[in-house]
């Protein structure tokens, strides 16, 4: 998909691991905010879900995330900036 998009002049961002993507979007901070108002069972469930989504041994590296944009658009949130070519 990446090669095909690039061959057609589309800017490709990623792929990046799901865990890294979610961490860059702030999943850890969001989970902490949810735990502040959660009861004990809910807090345990939130922590387990965060772990399942981001841990490399769970879904963190199982799925990849890619974004396609027009070449003149900024890098989408949570994706690393393209490296400068010297």
Protein backbone atom coordinates (compact mmCIF):
# COMPACT_ATOMS: atom_id res chain seq x y z
CA UNK A 1 0.00 0.00 0.00
CA UNK A 2 2.81 2.39 0.92
CA UNK A 3 4.68 1.88 -2.37
CA UNK A 4 1.51 2.29 -4.39
CA UNK A 5 0.55 5.51 -2.58
CA UNK A 6 4.04 6.98 -2.97
CA UNK A 7 4.07 6.04 -6.66
CA UNK A 8 0.89 8.07 -7.07
CA UNK A 9 2.24 11.18 -5.35
CA UNK A 10 0.60 10.64 -1.98
CA UNK A 11 2.50 11.44 1.22
CA UNK A 12 2.73 8.37 3.43
CA UNK A 13 3.15 8.64 7.19
CA UNK A 14 4.09 5.44 8.94
CA UNK A 15 3.46 2.67 9.31
CA UNK A 16 4.02 2.87 13.06
CA UNK A 17 3.14 0.36 15.74
CA UNK A 18 -0.28 0.78 17.30
CA UNK A 19 1.26 1.08 20.78
CA UNK A 20 3.56 3.93 19.78
CA UNK A 21 0.76 5.66 17.89
CA UNK A 22 -1.61 5.53 20.86
CA UNK A 23 1.09 6.68 23.27
CA UNK A 24 1.91 9.62 20.99
CA UNK A 25 -1.79 10.52 20.99
CA UNK A 26 -1.78 10.53 24.81
CA UNK A 27 -3.43 7.25 25.79
CA UNK A 28 -1.48 7.13 29.06
CA UNK A 29 -2.67 10.58 30.11
CA UNK A 30 -6.25 9.81 29.02
CA UNK A 31 -6.29 6.54 30.95
CA UNK A 32 -5.00 8.34 34.05
CA UNK A 33 -7.76 10.94 33.77
CA UNK A 34 -10.38 8.19 33.46
CA UNK A 35 -8.98 6.38 36.51
CA UNK A 36 -9.35 9.52 38.63
CA UNK A 37 -13.14 9.20 38.58
CA UNK A 38 -13.37 5.43 38.33
CA UNK A 39 -14.24 2.95 41.00
CA UNK A 40 -11.73 0.20 41.77
CA UNK A 41 -13.10 -2.28 39.20
CA UNK A 42 -13.28 0.36 36.49
CA UNK A 43 -9.72 1.50 37.23
CA UNK A 44 -8.47 -2.08 36.90
CA UNK A 45 -10.35 -2.44 33.61
CA UNK A 46 -8.93 0.83 32.26
CA UNK A 47 -5.40 -0.22 33.14
CA UNK A 48 -5.90 -3.65 31.56
CA UNK A 49 -7.31 -2.11 28.36
CA UNK A 50 -4.45 0.39 28.11
CA UNK A 51 -1.94 -2.43 28.58
CA UNK A 52 -3.66 -4.65 26.00
CA UNK A 53 -3.69 -1.86 23.39
CA UNK A 54 -0.11 -0.66 23.86
CA UNK A 55 2.05 -3.49 25.21
CA UNK A 56 4.41 -5.05 22.63
CA UNK A 57 3.42 -8.51 23.89
CA UNK A 58 -0.25 -7.75 23.34
CA UNK A 59 -1.68 -5.58 20.54
CA UNK A 60 1.00 -2.86 20.70
CA UNK A 61 3.04 -4.27 17.84
CA UNK A 62 0.42 -6.55 16.30
CA UNK A 63 -1.28 -3.73 14.39
CA UNK A 64 0.24 -0.88 12.41
CA UNK A 65 -1.10 2.59 11.67
CA UNK A 66 -0.54 4.54 8.46
CA UNK A 67 -1.88 7.88 7.26
CA UNK A 68 -2.09 9.10 3.68
CA UNK A 69 -2.20 12.82 2.92
CA UNK A 70 -1.63 15.26 0.12
CA UNK A 71 2.10 16.02 -0.11
CA UNK A 72 1.65 19.64 1.00
CA UNK A 73 -0.25 18.76 4.19
CA UNK A 74 1.38 18.71 7.63
CA UNK A 75 2.33 15.46 9.31
CA UNK A 76 -0.75 14.04 11.07
CA UNK A 77 -0.84 13.95 14.86
CA UNK A 78 1.04 11.08 16.53
CA UNK A 79 3.25 10.35 13.53
CA UNK A 80 6.96 11.17 13.57
CA UNK A 81 8.07 14.06 11.39
CA UNK A 82 9.75 12.96 8.17
CA UNK A 83 13.53 12.88 8.39
CA UNK A 84 15.40 15.56 6.52
CA UNK A 85 17.33 14.22 3.55
CA UNK A 86 20.78 15.77 3.31
